[in-house]
């Protein structure tokens, strides 16, 4: 995806999500944006493009009047949604290397969201948009774990539950209750989803008995 295509995609995401600064959008513009976003879902390079998007600190684009608009949260939510759909239809066709790279990209996106920053208090105080983004990442991590842990993702527990300073997502030992709230919530939500998939009769039909037993044995050995 070249820069022109990237800008067009971000603009379509902004129009569809109704982010601040986009007013007087015509029905035709909304329809065009919807078509653009739907067509992207069948673009062969969509996964690589989405991995790049979720790895960016911010997603900005130039508007028609020359200003710069920010589509970071809706852009990452859209990219994560595209990746989530890919997991259902294309993940099994990936080789081990590509699977590993995809896992790393999702974990990195989680760490990026969880990393405390003095300069940006909003990273520590979780607003609604970041909460939604965190929950979306947790769903993807849980999905990957139920497919890969423990055989092909042996570092799952340390990737998530190690402190941020040690490469994980969890808060630092002795941190205040408000520090790294997002990272803790991602980890706990991910663990809750995996637990439901493996033990709750309302959910465990989603994965095979063999996989369920493998996951539970993996946790027992941690």
Protein backbone atom coordinates (compact mmCIF):
# COMPACT_ATOMS: atom_id res chain seq x y z
CA UNK A 1 0.00 0.00 0.00
CA UNK A 2 1.55 3.29 -1.07
CA UNK A 3 1.20 6.59 0.76
CA UNK A 4 -1.66 7.81 -1.43
CA UNK A 5 -3.64 4.64 -0.74
CA UNK A 6 -2.85 4.91 2.97
CA UNK A 7 -4.10 8.51 3.09
CA UNK A 8 -7.27 7.52 1.23
CA UNK A 9 -7.88 4.63 3.64
CA UNK A 10 -7.39 6.83 6.72
CA UNK A 11 -9.73 9.45 5.28
CA UNK A 12 -12.38 6.77 4.69
CA UNK A 13 -11.96 5.52 8.26
CA UNK A 14 -12.31 9.06 9.58
CA UNK A 15 -15.47 9.70 7.58
CA UNK A 16 -17.05 6.39 8.60
CA UNK A 17 -16.18 6.79 12.28
CA UNK A 18 -17.29 10.41 12.45
CA UNK A 19 -14.17 11.74 14.14
CA UNK A 20 -14.07 15.36 15.22
CA UNK A 21 -13.29 17.84 12.45
CA UNK A 22 -15.23 16.07 9.72
CA UNK A 23 -18.41 18.03 9.15
CA UNK A 24 -20.73 18.52 6.19
CA UNK A 25 -20.00 15.03 4.87
CA UNK A 26 -22.35 14.20 2.01
CA UNK A 27 -24.17 10.87 1.68
CA UNK A 28 -22.09 10.15 -1.42
CA UNK A 29 -18.85 10.71 0.51
CA UNK A 30 -20.04 8.32 3.20
CA UNK A 31 -20.99 5.74 0.59
CA UNK A 32 -17.60 6.11 -1.11
CA UNK A 33 -15.83 5.72 2.24
CA UNK A 34 -17.80 2.57 3.01
CA UNK A 35 -16.96 1.12 -0.40
CA UNK A 36 -13.28 1.94 0.08
CA UNK A 37 -13.18 0.19 3.47
CA UNK A 38 -15.02 -2.88 2.18
CA UNK A 39 -12.75 -3.19 -0.86
CA UNK A 40 -9.68 -2.98 1.34
CA UNK A 41 -10.80 -6.13 3.17
CA UNK A 42 -10.09 -8.15 0.01
CA UNK A 43 -6.80 -6.38 -0.78
CA UNK A 44 -4.02 -9.03 -0.88
CA UNK A 45 -1.63 -6.89 1.18
CA UNK A 46 -4.19 -5.94 3.81
CA UNK A 47 -2.63 -7.85 6.70
CA UNK A 48 0.83 -6.33 6.20
CA UNK A 49 -0.76 -2.87 5.86
CA UNK A 50 -2.79 -3.37 9.05
CA UNK A 51 0.25 -4.63 10.96
CA UNK A 52 2.03 -1.43 9.94
CA UNK A 53 -0.94 0.68 11.04
CA UNK A 54 -1.23 -0.84 14.52
CA UNK A 55 2.52 -0.37 15.00
CA UNK A 56 2.41 3.38 14.38
CA UNK A 57 2.39 5.80 17.30
CA UNK A 58 -0.22 7.86 15.48
CA UNK A 59 -2.22 7.71 12.25
CA UNK A 60 -2.57 11.12 10.68
CA UNK A 61 -3.62 12.23 7.24
CA UNK A 62 -4.11 15.41 5.24
CA UNK A 63 -7.66 16.67 4.85
CA UNK A 64 -9.06 18.33 1.72
CA UNK A 65 -8.49 21.80 3.19
CA UNK A 66 -4.83 21.10 3.92
CA UNK A 67 -5.14 20.47 7.65
CA UNK A 68 -3.90 17.36 9.41
CA UNK A 69 -6.43 15.08 11.07
CA UNK A 70 -5.83 12.27 13.55
CA UNK A 71 -7.39 8.84 13.02
CA UNK A 72 -5.22 6.86 15.41
CA UNK A 73 -7.90 5.12 17.48
CA UNK A 74 -10.47 4.44 14.73
CA UNK A 75 -7.64 3.52 12.35
CA UNK A 76 -6.17 0.97 14.71
CA UNK A 77 -9.60 -0.41 15.56
CA UNK A 78 -10.31 -0.91 11.87
CA UNK A 79 -6.90 -2.54 11.31
CA UNK A 80 -7.39 -4.88 14.26
CA UNK A 81 -10.82 -5.80 12.93
CA UNK A 82 -9.36 -6.69 9.54
CA UNK A 83 -6.70 -8.84 11.23
CA UNK A 84 -9.38 -10.52 13.36
CA UNK A 85 -11.32 -11.48 10.24
CA UNK A 86 -8.12 -12.77 8.63
CA UNK A 87 -7.53 -15.07 11.60
CA UNK A 88 -10.80 -16.82 10.79
CA UNK A 89 -10.07 -17.45 7.12
CA UNK A 90 -6.36 -17.16 6.40
CA UNK A 91 -4.32 -17.73 9.53
CA UNK A 92 -4.00 -21.50 9.14
CA UNK A 93 -2.37 -20.95 5.76
CA UNK A 94 0.52 -18.95 7.23
CA UNK A 95 3.91 -20.52 7.82
CA UNK A 96 5.47 -20.53 11.30
CA UNK A 97 7.56 -17.44 10.59
CA UNK A 98 4.60 -15.34 9.44
CA UNK A 99 2.54 -16.54 12.41
CA UNK A 100 5.29 -15.47 14.76
CA UNK A 101 5.58 -12.05 13.14
CA UNK A 102 1.84 -11.51 13.43
CA UNK A 103 1.89 -12.45 17.13
CA UNK A 104 4.77 -10.08 17.76
CA UNK A 105 2.95 -7.23 16.03
CA UNK A 106 -0.16 -7.66 18.23
CA UNK A 107 1.91 -7.91 21.42
CA UNK A 108 3.85 -4.80 20.35
CA UNK A 109 0.60 -2.91 19.80
CA UNK A 110 -0.49 -3.91 23.30
CA UNK A 111 2.82 -2.79 24.82
CA UNK A 112 2.62 0.50 22.94
CA UNK A 113 -0.80 1.15 24.46
CA UNK A 114 0.32 -0.01 27.91
CA UNK A 115 3.59 1.94 28.09
CA UNK A 116 3.31 4.68 30.74
CA UNK A 117 4.37 8.15 29.63
CA UNK A 118 4.82 11.25 31.79
CA UNK A 119 4.39 13.39 28.70
CA UNK A 120 0.98 11.95 27.88
CA UNK A 121 -1.21 11.42 30.91
CA UNK A 122 -3.98 10.02 28.72
CA UNK A 123 -1.90 6.86 28.27
CA UNK A 124 -2.12 6.25 32.02
CA UNK A 125 -5.71 7.38 32.43
CA UNK A 126 -7.76 5.12 30.20
CA UNK A 127 -10.45 7.01 28.31
CA UNK A 128 -13.27 5.25 26.51
CA UNK A 129 -11.56 5.11 23.12
CA UNK A 130 -8.40 3.56 24.56
CA UNK A 131 -10.48 1.11 26.58
CA UNK A 132 -12.19 -0.09 23.40
CA UNK A 133 -8.83 -0.39 21.65
CA UNK A 134 -7.40 -2.33 24.59
CA UNK A 135 -10.31 -4.77 24.61
CA UNK A 136 -9.96 -5.34 20.86
CA UNK A 137 -6.27 -6.16 21.32
CA UNK A 138 -7.14 -8.51 24.20
CA UNK A 139 -9.58 -10.41 21.95
CA UNK A 140 -6.90 -10.87 19.30
CA UNK A 141 -4.31 -12.01 21.84
CA UNK A 142 -6.77 -14.54 23.25
CA UNK A 143 -7.60 -15.78 19.75
CA UNK A 144 -3.92 -16.25 18.95
CA UNK A 145 -3.26 -17.96 22.28
CA UNK A 146 -6.04 -20.50 21.79
CA UNK A 147 -4.48 -21.35 18.44
CA UNK A 148 -0.81 -21.36 19.41
CA UNK A 149 -0.22 -21.75 23.17
CA UNK A 150 1.74 -23.60 24.43
CA UNK A 151 3.32 -25.48 21.51
CA UNK A 152 4.04 -22.61 19.11
CA UNK A 153 3.78 -19.70 21.52
CA UNK A 154 5.86 -20.81 24.46
CA UNK A 155 6.55 -17.24 25.61
CA UNK A 156 2.86 -16.27 25.85
CA UNK A 157 2.81 -15.85 29.63
CA UNK A 158 6.00 -13.77 29.83
CA UNK A 159 5.04 -11.76 26.72
CA UNK A 160 1.93 -10.57 28.55
CA UNK A 161 2.45 -10.85 32.29
CA UNK A 162 6.04 -9.64 32.59
CA UNK A 163 6.39 -5.95 33.60
CA UNK A 164 6.55 -3.43 30.77
CA UNK A 165 10.22 -2.75 31.55
CA UNK A 166 10.96 -6.45 31.00
CA UNK A 167 9.19 -6.66 27.66
CA UNK A 168 5.70 -7.58 28.87
CA UNK A 169 2.44 -5.68 29.24
CA UNK A 170 1.85 -5.94 33.02
CA UNK A 171 2.50 -3.05 35.41
CA UNK A 172 5.75 -2.59 37.28
CA UNK A 173 6.07 -4.17 40.76
CA UNK A 174 4.88 -1.70 43.38
CA UNK A 175 3.28 0.62 40.80
CA UNK A 176 0.36 2.82 41.88
CA UNK A 177 -3.14 1.63 41.13
CA UNK A 178 -3.39 4.16 38.31
CA UNK A 179 -0.17 3.23 36.55
CA UNK A 180 -0.34 1.07 33.43
CA UNK A 181 -4.04 0.37 33.94
CA UNK A 182 -4.47 -0.43 30.27
CA UNK A 183 -1.79 -3.12 30.24
CA UNK A 184 -3.30 -4.87 33.26
CA UNK A 185 -6.78 -4.77 31.74
CA UNK A 186 -5.51 -6.21 28.45
CA UNK A 187 -3.85 -9.11 30.26
CA UNK A 188 -6.82 -9.89 32.49
CA UNK A 189 -9.36 -9.62 29.66
CA UNK A 190 -7.22 -11.92 27.51
CA UNK A 191 -6.94 -14.46 30.33
CA UNK A 192 -10.70 -14.27 30.96
CA UNK A 193 -11.47 -14.97 27.30
CA UNK A 194 -9.09 -17.93 27.17
CA UNK A 195 -10.59 -19.32 30.39
CA UNK A 196 -14.10 -19.03 28.96
CA UNK A 197 -13.05 -20.78 25.77
CA UNK A 198 -11.50 -23.65 27.72
CA UNK A 199 -13.83 -24.18 30.67
CA UNK A 200 -17.25 -22.58 30.10
CA UNK A 201 -19.74 -24.86 28.33
CA UNK A 202 -21.27 -21.81 26.63
CA UNK A 203 -17.96 -21.07 24.92
CA UNK A 204 -15.80 -24.19 24.71
CA UNK A 205 -17.43 -25.51 21.54
CA UNK A 206 -15.29 -22.91 19.73
CA UNK A 207 -12.13 -24.99 20.10
CA UNK A 208 -11.46 -28.72 20.02
CA UNK A 209 -11.09 -30.85 23.13
CA UNK A 210 -7.46 -31.54 22.21
CA UNK A 211 -6.62 -27.83 21.98
CA UNK A 212 -8.53 -27.11 25.19
CA UNK A 213 -6.55 -29.75 27.07
CA UNK A 214 -3.25 -28.51 25.59
CA UNK A 215 -3.96 -24.96 26.78
CA UNK A 216 -4.95 -26.03 30.29
CA UNK A 217 -1.86 -28.26 30.58
CA UNK A 218 0.25 -25.35 29.37
CA UNK A 219 -1.07 -23.09 32.11
CA UNK A 220 -0.59 -25.81 34.72
CA UNK A 221 3.07 -26.02 33.78
CA UNK A 222 3.71 -22.27 34.03
